[in-house]
Full PDB file with SEQRES, HELIX, SHEET, SSBOND, CRYST1, ORIGX, SCALE, CONECT and MASTER records, all heavy atoms in Angstrom:
SEQRES   1 A   40  SER THR GLU ASP ARG THR ARG PHE GLY ALA GLU ALA LEU          
SEQRES   2 A   40  GLU ILE PHE TYR ARG ARG LEU THR ASP THR VAL ARG ALA          
SEQRES   3 A   40  ARG ALA PRO GLY LYS SER LEU PHE PHE ASN SER GLY HIS          
SEQRES   4 A   40  ILE                                                          
HELIX    1 AA1 THR A    2  ARG A   27  1                                  26    
CRYST1    1.000    1.000    1.000  90.00  90.00  90.00 P 1           1          
ORIGX1      1.000000  0.000000  0.000000        0.00000                         
ORIGX2      0.000000  1.000000  0.000000        0.00000                         
ORIGX3      0.000000  0.000000  1.000000        0.00000                         
SCALE1      1.000000  0.000000  0.000000        0.00000                         
SCALE2      0.000000  1.000000  0.000000        0.00000                         
SCALE3      0.000000  0.000000  1.000000        0.00000                         
ATOM      1  N   SER A   1       0.838  -1.202   0.000  1.00  0.00           N  
ATOM      2  CA  SER A   1       0.000   0.000   0.000  1.00  0.00           C  
ATOM      3  C   SER A   1       0.875   1.255   0.000  1.00  0.00           C  
ATOM      4  O   SER A   1       1.750   1.406   0.863  1.00  0.00           O  
ATOM      5  CB  SER A   1      -0.908   0.001   1.232  1.00  0.00           C  
ATOM      6  OG  SER A   1      -1.403   1.288   1.519  1.00  0.00           O  
ATOM      7  N   THR A   2       0.628   2.148  -0.933  1.00  0.00           N  
ATOM      8  CA  THR A   2       1.371   3.409  -0.973  1.00  0.00           C  
ATOM      9  C   THR A   2       1.183   4.184   0.319  1.00  0.00           C  
ATOM     10  O   THR A   2       2.144   4.736   0.879  1.00  0.00           O  
ATOM     11  CB  THR A   2       0.906   4.265  -2.162  1.00  0.00           C  
ATOM     12  OG1 THR A   2       1.149   3.556  -3.377  1.00  0.00           O  
ATOM     13  CG2 THR A   2       1.642   5.602  -2.196  1.00  0.00           C  
ATOM     14  N   GLU A   3      -0.033   4.222   0.817  1.00  0.00           N  
ATOM     15  CA  GLU A   3      -0.317   4.963   2.045  1.00  0.00           C  
ATOM     16  C   GLU A   3       0.447   4.382   3.221  1.00  0.00           C  
ATOM     17  O   GLU A   3       1.048   5.118   4.020  1.00  0.00           O  
ATOM     18  CB  GLU A   3      -1.819   4.939   2.319  1.00  0.00           C  
ATOM     19  CG  GLU A   3      -2.224   5.709   3.572  1.00  0.00           C  
ATOM     20  CD  GLU A   3      -3.721   5.686   3.813  1.00  0.00           C  
ATOM     21  OE1 GLU A   3      -4.465   5.228   2.915  1.00  0.00           O  
ATOM     22  OE2 GLU A   3      -4.145   6.113   4.901  1.00  0.00           O  
ATOM     23  N   ASP A   4       0.468   3.065   3.353  1.00  0.00           N  
ATOM     24  CA  ASP A   4       1.163   2.439   4.476  1.00  0.00           C  
ATOM     25  C   ASP A   4       2.674   2.594   4.345  1.00  0.00           C  
ATOM     26  O   ASP A   4       3.378   2.785   5.351  1.00  0.00           O  
ATOM     27  CB  ASP A   4       0.790   0.964   4.571  1.00  0.00           C  
ATOM     28  CG  ASP A   4      -0.569   0.747   5.236  1.00  0.00           C  
ATOM     29  OD1 ASP A   4      -1.243   1.756   5.532  1.00  0.00           O  
ATOM     30  OD2 ASP A   4      -0.960  -0.414   5.452  1.00  0.00           O  
ATOM     31  N   ARG A   5       3.201   2.500   3.128  1.00  0.00           N  
ATOM     32  CA  ARG A   5       4.637   2.705   2.941  1.00  0.00           C  
ATOM     33  C   ARG A   5       5.040   4.117   3.320  1.00  0.00           C  
ATOM     34  O   ARG A   5       6.083   4.333   3.955  1.00  0.00           O  
ATOM     35  CB  ARG A   5       5.038   2.427   1.482  1.00  0.00           C  
ATOM     36  CG  ARG A   5       5.041   0.976   1.087  1.00  0.00           C  
ATOM     37  CD  ARG A   5       5.783   0.774  -0.223  1.00  0.00           C  
ATOM     38  NE  ARG A   5       5.265   1.583  -1.313  1.00  0.00           N  
ATOM     39  CZ  ARG A   5       4.347   1.187  -2.181  1.00  0.00           C  
ATOM     40  NH1 ARG A   5       3.820  -0.033  -2.079  1.00  0.00           N  
ATOM     41  NH2 ARG A   5       3.942   1.983  -3.156  1.00  0.00           N  
ATOM     42  N   THR A   6       4.215   5.083   2.945  1.00  0.00           N  
ATOM     43  CA  THR A   6       4.510   6.478   3.283  1.00  0.00           C  
ATOM     44  C   THR A   6       4.445   6.685   4.790  1.00  0.00           C  
ATOM     45  O   THR A   6       5.321   7.349   5.378  1.00  0.00           O  
ATOM     46  CB  THR A   6       3.522   7.414   2.569  1.00  0.00           C  
ATOM     47  OG1 THR A   6       3.631   7.231   1.158  1.00  0.00           O  
ATOM     48  CG2 THR A   6       3.813   8.864   2.920  1.00  0.00           C  
ATOM     49  N   ARG A   7       3.441   6.117   5.421  1.00  0.00           N  
ATOM     50  CA  ARG A   7       3.299   6.233   6.876  1.00  0.00           C  
ATOM     51  C   ARG A   7       4.498   5.626   7.586  1.00  0.00           C  
ATOM     52  O   ARG A   7       5.072   6.231   8.504  1.00  0.00           O  
ATOM     53  CB  ARG A   7       2.006   5.540   7.313  1.00  0.00           C  
ATOM     54  CG  ARG A   7       1.775   5.545   8.817  1.00  0.00           C  
ATOM     55  CD  ARG A   7       0.482   4.794   9.131  1.00  0.00           C  
ATOM     56  NE  ARG A   7       0.283   4.647  10.570  1.00  0.00           N  
ATOM     57  CZ  ARG A   7      -0.725   3.967  11.110  1.00  0.00           C  
ATOM     58  NH1 ARG A   7      -1.636   3.394  10.321  1.00  0.00           N  
ATOM     59  NH2 ARG A   7      -0.836   3.864  12.415  1.00  0.00           N  
ATOM     60  N   PHE A   8       4.898   4.442   7.152  1.00  0.00           N  
ATOM     61  CA  PHE A   8       6.041   3.787   7.781  1.00  0.00           C  
ATOM     62  C   PHE A   8       7.332   4.559   7.515  1.00  0.00           C  
ATOM     63  O   PHE A   8       8.178   4.689   8.412  1.00  0.00           O  
ATOM     64  CB  PHE A   8       6.182   2.352   7.267  1.00  0.00           C  
ATOM     65  CG  PHE A   8       7.393   1.657   7.819  1.00  0.00           C  
ATOM     66  CD1 PHE A   8       7.393   1.168   9.112  1.00  0.00           C  
ATOM     67  CD2 PHE A   8       8.539   1.512   7.053  1.00  0.00           C  
ATOM     68  CE1 PHE A   8       8.510   0.543   9.640  1.00  0.00           C  
ATOM     69  CE2 PHE A   8       9.670   0.891   7.566  1.00  0.00           C  
ATOM     70  CZ  PHE A   8       9.658   0.401   8.864  1.00  0.00           C  
ATOM     71  N   GLY A   9       7.488   5.076   6.309  1.00  0.00           N  
ATOM     72  CA  GLY A   9       8.681   5.858   5.997  1.00  0.00           C  
ATOM     73  C   GLY A   9       8.802   7.076   6.888  1.00  0.00           C  
ATOM     74  O   GLY A   9       9.904   7.430   7.336  1.00  0.00           O  
ATOM     75  N   ALA A  10       7.670   7.739   7.158  1.00  0.00           N  
ATOM     76  CA  ALA A  10       7.685   8.903   8.050  1.00  0.00           C  
ATOM     77  C   ALA A  10       8.093   8.489   9.458  1.00  0.00           C  
ATOM     78  O   ALA A  10       8.844   9.198  10.136  1.00  0.00           O  
ATOM     79  CB  ALA A  10       6.314   9.570   8.059  1.00  0.00           C  
ATOM     80  N   GLU A  11       7.607   7.333   9.911  1.00  0.00           N  
ATOM     81  CA  GLU A  11       7.979   6.851  11.244  1.00  0.00           C  
ATOM     82  C   GLU A  11       9.468   6.502  11.298  1.00  0.00           C  
ATOM     83  O   GLU A  11      10.157   6.808  12.280  1.00  0.00           O  
ATOM     84  CB  GLU A  11       7.131   5.627  11.601  1.00  0.00           C  
ATOM     85  CG  GLU A  11       5.656   5.952  11.798  1.00  0.00           C  
ATOM     86  CD  GLU A  11       4.810   4.699  11.996  1.00  0.00           C  
ATOM     87  OE1 GLU A  11       5.377   3.589  11.920  1.00  0.00           O  
ATOM     88  OE2 GLU A  11       3.593   4.839  12.214  1.00  0.00           O  
ATOM     89  N   ALA A  12       9.971   5.872  10.236  1.00  0.00           N  
ATOM     90  CA  ALA A  12      11.392   5.509  10.195  1.00  0.00           C  
ATOM     91  C   ALA A  12      12.271   6.753  10.210  1.00  0.00           C  
ATOM     92  O   ALA A  12      13.325   6.785  10.869  1.00  0.00           O  
ATOM     93  CB  ALA A  12      11.680   4.667   8.952  1.00  0.00           C  
ATOM     94  N   LEU A  13      11.846   7.779   9.500  1.00  0.00           N  
ATOM     95  CA  LEU A  13      12.627   9.015   9.471  1.00  0.00           C  
ATOM     96  C   LEU A  13      12.595   9.709  10.830  1.00  0.00           C  
ATOM     97  O   LEU A  13      13.617  10.242  11.291  1.00  0.00           O  
ATOM     98  CB  LEU A  13      12.090   9.946   8.378  1.00  0.00           C  
ATOM     99  CG  LEU A  13      12.910  11.199   8.098  1.00  0.00           C  
ATOM    100  CD1 LEU A  13      14.331  10.854   7.668  1.00  0.00           C  
ATOM    101  CD2 LEU A  13      12.234  12.060   7.026  1.00  0.00           C  
ATOM    102  N   GLU A  14      11.445   9.695  11.490  1.00  0.00           N  
ATOM    103  CA  GLU A  14      11.357  10.294  12.821  1.00  0.00           C  
ATOM    104  C   GLU A  14      12.261   9.544  13.804  1.00  0.00           C  
ATOM    105  O   GLU A  14      12.935  10.160  14.647  1.00  0.00           O  
ATOM    106  CB  GLU A  14       9.902  10.267  13.304  1.00  0.00           C  
ATOM    107  CG  GLU A  14       9.676  10.879  14.679  1.00  0.00           C  
ATOM    108  CD  GLU A  14       9.861  12.384  14.709  1.00  0.00           C  
ATOM    109  OE1 GLU A  14       9.892  13.008  13.625  1.00  0.00           O  
ATOM    110  OE2 GLU A  14       9.976  12.942  15.823  1.00  0.00           O  
ATOM    111  N   ILE A  15      12.293   8.219  13.705  1.00  0.00           N  
ATOM    112  CA  ILE A  15      13.177   7.430  14.565  1.00  0.00           C  
ATOM    113  C   ILE A  15      14.628   7.781  14.292  1.00  0.00           C  
ATOM    114  O   ILE A  15      15.446   7.879  15.218  1.00  0.00           O  
ATOM    115  CB  ILE A  15      12.910   5.924  14.362  1.00  0.00           C  
ATOM    116  CG1 ILE A  15      11.533   5.560  14.920  1.00  0.00           C  
ATOM    117  CG2 ILE A  15      14.002   5.080  15.017  1.00  0.00           C  
ATOM    118  CD1 ILE A  15      11.075   4.155  14.563  1.00  0.00           C  
ATOM    119  N   PHE A  16      14.982   7.988  13.023  1.00  0.00           N  
ATOM    120  CA  PHE A  16      16.339   8.406  12.653  1.00  0.00           C  
ATOM    121  C   PHE A  16      16.714   9.701  13.370  1.00  0.00           C  
ATOM    122  O   PHE A  16      17.771   9.789  14.008  1.00  0.00           O  
ATOM    123  CB  PHE A  16      16.410   8.579  11.136  1.00  0.00           C  
ATOM    124  CG  PHE A  16      17.525   9.449  10.646  1.00  0.00           C  
ATOM    125  CD1 PHE A  16      18.811   8.950  10.490  1.00  0.00           C  
ATOM    126  CD2 PHE A  16      17.294  10.787  10.324  1.00  0.00           C  
ATOM    127  CE1 PHE A  16      19.843   9.761  10.032  1.00  0.00           C  
ATOM    128  CE2 PHE A  16      18.313  11.595   9.862  1.00  0.00           C  
ATOM    129  CZ  PHE A  16      19.591  11.086   9.715  1.00  0.00           C  
ATOM    130  N   TYR A  17      15.861  10.701  13.284  1.00  0.00           N  
ATOM    131  CA  TYR A  17      16.154  11.979  13.935  1.00  0.00           C  
ATOM    132  C   TYR A  17      16.264  11.810  15.451  1.00  0.00           C  
ATOM    133  O   TYR A  17      17.183  12.365  16.084  1.00  0.00           O  
ATOM    134  CB  TYR A  17      15.067  13.004  13.610  1.00  0.00           C  
ATOM    135  CG  TYR A  17      15.225  13.676  12.277  1.00  0.00           C  
ATOM    136  CD1 TYR A  17      14.418  13.339  11.199  1.00  0.00           C  
ATOM    137  CD2 TYR A  17      16.181  14.667  12.087  1.00  0.00           C  
ATOM    138  CE1 TYR A  17      14.561  13.964   9.967  1.00  0.00           C  
ATOM    139  CE2 TYR A  17      16.332  15.299  10.858  1.00  0.00           C  
ATOM    140  CZ  TYR A  17      15.516  14.941   9.802  1.00  0.00           C  
ATOM    141  OH  TYR A  17      15.661  15.561   8.585  1.00  0.00           O  
ATOM    142  N   ARG A  18      15.350  11.072  16.033  1.00  0.00           N  
ATOM    143  CA  ARG A  18      15.345  10.923  17.482  1.00  0.00           C  
ATOM    144  C   ARG A  18      16.580  10.173  17.970  1.00  0.00           C  
ATOM    145  O   ARG A  18      17.227  10.598  18.943  1.00  0.00           O  
ATOM    146  CB  ARG A  18      14.074  10.195  17.926  1.00  0.00           C  
ATOM    147  CG  ARG A  18      13.938  10.130  19.452  1.00  0.00           C  
ATOM    148  CD  ARG A  18      12.606   9.559  19.875  1.00  0.00           C  
ATOM    149  NE  ARG A  18      12.446   8.150  19.529  1.00  0.00           N  
ATOM    150  CZ  ARG A  18      11.561   7.687  18.657  1.00  0.00           C  
ATOM    151  NH1 ARG A  18      10.742   8.516  18.026  1.00  0.00           N  
ATOM    152  NH2 ARG A  18      11.479   6.393  18.401  1.00  0.00           N  
ATOM    153  N   ARG A  19      16.929   9.109  17.302  1.00  0.00           N  
ATOM    154  CA  ARG A  19      18.068   8.315  17.769  1.00  0.00           C  
ATOM    155  C   ARG A  19      19.388   9.066  17.597  1.00  0.00           C  
ATOM    156  O   ARG A  19      20.256   9.015  18.478  1.00  0.00           O  
ATOM    157  CB  ARG A  19      18.112   6.977  17.026  1.00  0.00           C  
ATOM    158  CG  ARG A  19      17.020   6.006  17.488  1.00  0.00           C  
ATOM    159  CD  ARG A  19      17.351   4.585  17.123  1.00  0.00           C  
ATOM    160  NE  ARG A  19      18.649   4.173  17.638  1.00  0.00           N  
ATOM    161  CZ  ARG A  19      19.279   3.065  17.241  1.00  0.00           C  
ATOM    162  NH1 ARG A  19      18.718   2.267  16.339  1.00  0.00           N  
ATOM    163  NH2 ARG A  19      20.464   2.750  17.745  1.00  0.00           N  
ATOM    164  N   LEU A  20      19.559   9.760  16.476  1.00  0.00           N  
ATOM    165  CA  LEU A  20      20.797  10.514  16.290  1.00  0.00           C  
ATOM    166  C   LEU A  20      20.889  11.650  17.298  1.00  0.00           C  
ATOM    167  O   LEU A  20      21.957  11.920  17.857  1.00  0.00           O  
ATOM    168  CB  LEU A  20      20.896  11.042  14.859  1.00  0.00           C  
ATOM    169  CG  LEU A  20      21.681  10.148  13.885  1.00  0.00           C  
ATOM    170  CD1 LEU A  20      20.967   8.808  13.676  1.00  0.00           C  
ATOM    171  CD2 LEU A  20      21.884  10.835  12.543  1.00  0.00           C  
ATOM    172  N   THR A  21      19.769  12.320  17.529  1.00  0.00           N  
ATOM    173  CA  THR A  21      19.768  13.408  18.515  1.00  0.00           C  
ATOM    174  C   THR A  21      20.085  12.868  19.907  1.00  0.00           C  
ATOM    175  O   THR A  21      20.897  13.450  20.641  1.00  0.00           O  
ATOM    176  CB  THR A  21      18.406  14.116  18.516  1.00  0.00           C  
ATOM    177  OG1 THR A  21      18.163  14.677  17.216  1.00  0.00           O  
ATOM    178  CG2 THR A  21      18.380  15.239  19.539  1.00  0.00           C  
ATOM    179  N   ASP A  22      19.477  11.746  20.274  1.00  0.00           N  
ATOM    180  CA  ASP A  22      19.741  11.161  21.589  1.00  0.00           C  
ATOM    181  C   ASP A  22      21.208  10.747  21.708  1.00  0.00           C  
ATOM    182  O   ASP A  22      21.820  10.893  22.780  1.00  0.00           O  
ATOM    183  CB  ASP A  22      18.843   9.953  21.814  1.00  0.00           C  
ATOM    184  CG  ASP A  22      17.383  10.330  22.023  1.00  0.00           C  
ATOM    185  OD1 ASP A  22      17.102  11.524  22.243  1.00  0.00           O  
ATOM    186  OD2 ASP A  22      16.522   9.427  21.946  1.00  0.00           O  
ATOM    187  N   THR A  23      21.774  10.245  20.629  1.00  0.00           N  
ATOM    188  CA  THR A  23      23.178   9.836  20.645  1.00  0.00           C  
ATOM    189  C   THR A  23      24.085  11.028  20.908  1.00  0.00           C  
ATOM    190  O   THR A  23      25.015  10.958  21.726  1.00  0.00           O  
ATOM    191  CB  THR A  23      23.554   9.169  19.314  1.00  0.00           C  
ATOM    192  OG1 THR A  23      22.753   7.999  19.116  1.00  0.00           O  
ATOM    193  CG2 THR A  23      25.025   8.776  19.289  1.00  0.00           C  
ATOM    194  N   VAL A  24      23.823  12.124  20.227  1.00  0.00           N  
ATOM    195  CA  VAL A  24      24.645  13.322  20.415  1.00  0.00           C  
ATOM    196  C   VAL A  24      24.435  13.903  21.805  1.00  0.00           C  
ATOM    197  O   VAL A  24      25.397  14.234  22.518  1.00  0.00           O  
ATOM    198  CB  VAL A  24      24.334  14.369  19.325  1.00  0.00           C  
ATOM    199  CG1 VAL A  24      25.064  15.682  19.616  1.00  0.00           C  
ATOM    200  CG2 VAL A  24      24.726  13.840  17.952  1.00  0.00           C  
ATOM    201  N   ARG A  25      23.187  14.032  22.225  1.00  0.00           N  
ATOM    202  CA  ARG A  25      22.903  14.665  23.508  1.00  0.00           C  
ATOM    203  C   ARG A  25      23.445  13.842  24.692  1.00  0.00           C  
ATOM    204  O   ARG A  25      23.801  14.397  25.733  1.00  0.00           O  
ATOM    205  CB  ARG A  25      21.397  14.874  23.672  1.00  0.00           C  
ATOM    206  CG  ARG A  25      20.800  15.822  22.631  1.00  0.00           C  
ATOM    207  CD  ARG A  25      21.233  17.242  22.861  1.00  0.00           C  
ATOM    208  NE  ARG A  25      20.760  18.122  21.787  1.00  0.00           N  
ATOM    209  CZ  ARG A  25      21.531  18.649  20.852  1.00  0.00           C  
ATOM    210  NH1 ARG A  25      22.830  18.383  20.850  1.00  0.00           N  
ATOM    211  NH2 ARG A  25      21.038  19.431  19.919  1.00  0.00           N  
ATOM    212  N   ALA A  26      23.490  12.512  24.538  1.00  0.00           N  
ATOM    213  CA  ALA A  26      23.995  11.673  25.621  1.00  0.00           C  
ATOM    214  C   ALA A  26      25.469  11.944  25.886  1.00  0.00           C  
ATOM    215  O   ALA A  26      25.923  11.930  27.037  1.00  0.00           O  
ATOM    216  CB  ALA A  26      23.782  10.199  25.280  1.00  0.00           C  
ATOM    217  N   ARG A  27      26.229  12.191  24.844  1.00  0.00           N  
ATOM    218  CA  ARG A  27      27.663  12.447  24.995  1.00  0.00           C  
ATOM    219  C   ARG A  27      27.968  13.931  25.196  1.00  0.00           C  
ATOM    220  O   ARG A  27      28.895  14.287  25.926  1.00  0.00           O  
ATOM    221  CB  ARG A  27      28.403  11.966  23.743  1.00  0.00           C  
ATOM    222  CG  ARG A  27      28.551  10.483  23.612  1.00  0.00           C  
ATOM    223  CD  ARG A  27      29.817  10.007  24.272  1.00  0.00           C  
ATOM    224  NE  ARG A  27      30.036   8.575  24.044  1.00  0.00           N  
ATOM    225  CZ  ARG A  27      30.958   7.872  24.652  1.00  0.00           C  
ATOM    226  NH1 ARG A  27      31.745   8.457  25.541  1.00  0.00           N  
ATOM    227  NH2 ARG A  27      31.091   6.590  24.406  1.00  0.00           N  
ATOM    228  N   ALA A  28      27.223  14.769  24.492  1.00  0.00           N  
ATOM    229  CA  ALA A  28      27.563  16.201  24.480  1.00  0.00           C  
ATOM    230  C   ALA A  28      26.280  17.019  24.460  1.00  0.00           C  
ATOM    231  O   ALA A  28      25.840  17.465  23.395  1.00  0.00           O  
ATOM    232  CB  ALA A  28      28.431  16.518  23.266  1.00  0.00           C  
ATOM    233  N   PRO A  29      25.649  17.223  25.622  1.00  0.00           N  
ATOM    234  CA  PRO A  29      24.332  17.884  25.662  1.00  0.00           C  
ATOM    235  C   PRO A  29      24.290  19.254  25.005  1.00  0.00           C  
ATOM    236  O   PRO A  29      23.268  19.629  24.435  1.00  0.00           O  
ATOM    237  CB  PRO A  29      24.042  17.978  27.167  1.00  0.00           C  
ATOM    238  CG  PRO A  29      24.864  16.905  27.779  1.00  0.00           C  
ATOM    239  CD  PRO A  29      26.100  16.796  26.951  1.00  0.00           C  
ATOM    240  N   GLY A  30      25.371  20.020  25.062  1.00  0.00           N  
ATOM    241  CA  GLY A  30      25.321  21.375  24.530  1.00  0.00           C  
ATOM    242  C   GLY A  30      25.895  21.529  23.144  1.00  0.00           C  
ATOM    243  O   GLY A  30      25.983  22.647  22.627  1.00  0.00           O  
ATOM    244  N   LYS A  31      26.272  20.442  22.508  1.00  0.00           N  
ATOM    245  CA  LYS A  31      26.944  20.535  21.209  1.00  0.00           C  
ATOM    246  C   LYS A  31      25.952  20.866  20.102  1.00  0.00           C  
ATOM    247  O   LYS A  31      24.825  20.369  20.086  1.00  0.00           O  
ATOM    248  CB  LYS A  31      27.669  19.221  20.900  1.00  0.00           C  
ATOM    249  CG  LYS A  31      28.752  19.358  19.821  1.00  0.00           C  
ATOM    250  CD  LYS A  31      29.548  18.072  19.686  1.00  0.00           C  
ATOM    251  CE  LYS A  31      30.430  17.792  20.884  1.00  0.00           C  
ATOM    252  NZ  LYS A  31      31.553  18.746  20.990  1.00  0.00           N  
ATOM    253  N   SER A  32      26.369  21.714  19.173  1.00  0.00           N  
ATOM    254  CA  SER A  32      25.489  22.079  18.067  1.00  0.00           C  
ATOM    255  C   SER A  32      25.243  20.868  17.180  1.00  0.00           C  
ATOM    256  O   SER A  32      26.107  19.999  17.016  1.00  0.00           O  
ATOM    257  CB  SER A  32      26.101  23.222  17.249  1.00  0.00           C  
ATOM    258  OG  SER A  32      27.265  22.802  16.566  1.00  0.00           O  
ATOM    259  N   LEU A  33      24.036  20.804  16.593  1.00  0.00           N  
ATOM    260  CA  LEU A  33      23.623  19.669  15.784  1.00  0.00           C  
ATOM    261  C   LEU A  33      22.753  20.163  14.644  1.00  0.00           C  
ATOM    262  O   LEU A  33      21.773  20.875  14.859  1.00  0.00           O  
ATOM    263  CB  LEU A  33      22.854  18.654  16.645  1.00  0.00           C  
ATOM    264  CG  LEU A  33      22.246  17.448  15.924  1.00  0.00           C  
ATOM    265  CD1 LEU A  33      23.320  16.604  15.261  1.00  0.00           C  
ATOM    266  CD2 LEU A  33      21.422  16.610  16.902  1.00  0.00           C  
ATOM    267  N   PHE A  34      23.121  19.763  13.429  1.00  0.00           N  
ATOM    268  CA  PHE A  34      22.338  20.157  12.261  1.00  0.00           C  
ATOM    269  C   PHE A  34      22.160  18.962  11.340  1.00  0.00           C  
ATOM    270  O   PHE A  34      23.090  18.183  11.114  1.00  0.00           O  
ATOM    271  CB  PHE A  34      23.022  21.299  11.498  1.00  0.00           C  
ATOM    272  CG  PHE A  34      22.337  21.641  10.196  1.00  0.00           C  
ATOM    273  CD1 PHE A  34      21.083  22.220  10.203  1.00  0.00           C  
ATOM    274  CD2 PHE A  34      22.922  21.347   8.977  1.00  0.00           C  
ATOM    275  CE1 PHE A  34      20.427  22.510   9.009  1.00  0.00           C  
ATOM    276  CE2 PHE A  34      22.288  21.639   7.784  1.00  0.00           C  
ATOM    277  CZ  PHE A  34      21.029  22.223   7.796  1.00  0.00           C  
ATOM    278  N   PHE A  35      20.942  18.817  10.805  1.00  0.00           N  
ATOM    279  CA  PHE A  35      20.605  17.772   9.842  1.00  0.00           C  
ATOM    280  C   PHE A  35      20.346  18.434   8.486  1.00  0.00           C  
ATOM    281  O   PHE A  35      19.467  19.299   8.384  1.00  0.00           O  
ATOM    282  CB  PHE A  35      19.353  17.010  10.279  1.00  0.00           C  
ATOM    283  CG  PHE A  35      19.490  16.262  11.573  1.00  0.00           C  
ATOM    284  CD1 PHE A  35      19.171  16.866  12.782  1.00  0.00           C  
ATOM    285  CD2 PHE A  35      19.932  14.950  11.588  1.00  0.00           C  
ATOM    286  CE1 PHE A  35      19.283  16.171  13.978  1.00  0.00           C  
ATOM    287  CE2 PHE A  35      20.052  14.247  12.781  1.00  0.00           C  
ATOM    288  CZ  PHE A  35      19.725  14.858  13.982  1.00  0.00           C  
ATOM    289  N   ASN A  36      21.052  18.017   7.455  1.00  0.00           N  
ATOM    290  CA  ASN A  36      20.936  18.677   6.157  1.00  0.00           C  
ATOM    291  C   ASN A  36      20.162  17.819   5.153  1.00  0.00           C  
ATOM    292  O   ASN A  36      20.443  16.625   4.998  1.00  0.00           O  
ATOM    293  CB  ASN A  36      22.322  18.981   5.580  1.00  0.00           C  
ATOM    294  CG  ASN A  36      22.232  19.809   4.306  1.00  0.00           C  
ATOM    295  OD1 ASN A  36      21.515  20.807   4.261  1.00  0.00           O  
ATOM    296  ND2 ASN A  36      22.941  19.395   3.267  1.00  0.00           N  
ATOM    297  N   SER A  37      19.203  18.472   4.484  1.00  0.00           N  
ATOM    298  CA  SER A  37      18.450  17.814   3.404  1.00  0.00           C  
ATOM    299  C   SER A  37      18.437  18.645   2.135  1.00  0.00           C  
ATOM    300  O   SER A  37      17.676  18.345   1.218  1.00  0.00           O  
ATOM    301  CB  SER A  37      17.008  17.536   3.849  1.00  0.00           C  
ATOM    302  OG  SER A  37      16.975  16.710   4.988  1.00  0.00           O  
ATOM    303  N   GLY A  38      19.218  19.714   2.093  1.00  0.00           N  
ATOM    304  CA  GLY A  38      19.303  20.531   0.880  1.00  0.00           C  
ATOM    305  C   GLY A  38      18.278  21.634   0.783  1.00  0.00           C  
ATOM    306  O   GLY A  38      18.376  22.502  -0.086  1.00  0.00           O  
ATOM    307  N   HIS A  39      17.278  21.617   1.671  1.00  0.00           N  
ATOM    308  CA  HIS A  39      16.237  22.652   1.670  1.00  0.00           C  
ATOM    309  C   HIS A  39      15.501  22.561   2.992  1.00  0.00           C  
ATOM    310  O   HIS A  39      15.227  21.458   3.481  1.00  0.00           O  
ATOM    311  CB  HIS A  39      15.268  22.430   0.501  1.00  0.00           C  
ATOM    312  CG  HIS A  39      14.049  23.324   0.535  1.00  0.00           C  
ATOM    313  ND1 HIS A  39      14.107  24.670   0.240  1.00  0.00           N  
ATOM    314  CD2 HIS A  39      12.748  23.065   0.820  1.00  0.00           C  
ATOM    315  CE1 HIS A  39      12.895  25.189   0.342  1.00  0.00           C  
ATOM    316  NE2 HIS A  39      12.059  24.246   0.692  1.00  0.00           N  
ATOM    317  N   ILE A  40      15.203  23.695   3.600  1.00  0.00           N  
ATOM    318  CA  ILE A  40      14.424  23.727   4.839  1.00  0.00           C  
ATOM    319  C   ILE A  40      12.949  23.804   4.461  1.00  0.00           C  
ATOM    320  O   ILE A  40      12.486  24.794   3.889  1.00  0.00           O  
ATOM    321  CB  ILE A  40      14.824  24.926   5.718  1.00  0.00           C  
ATOM    322  CG1 ILE A  40      16.319  24.869   6.037  1.00  0.00           C  
ATOM    323  CG2 ILE A  40      13.986  24.945   6.985  1.00  0.00           C  
ATOM    324  CD1 ILE A  40      16.759  23.633   6.774  1.00  0.00           C  
TER     325      ILE A  40                                                      
MASTER        0    0    0    1    0    0    0    6  324    1    0    4          
END                                                                             
């Protein structure tokens, strides 16, 4: 299903952001962090 694939992809991307952020914050809470996608 296109709808289900899109829904799951959004969840996977959110998990990506959360896990990377948690990884950085666990070691360096105040360190700057930026995620690049070529356009905001």
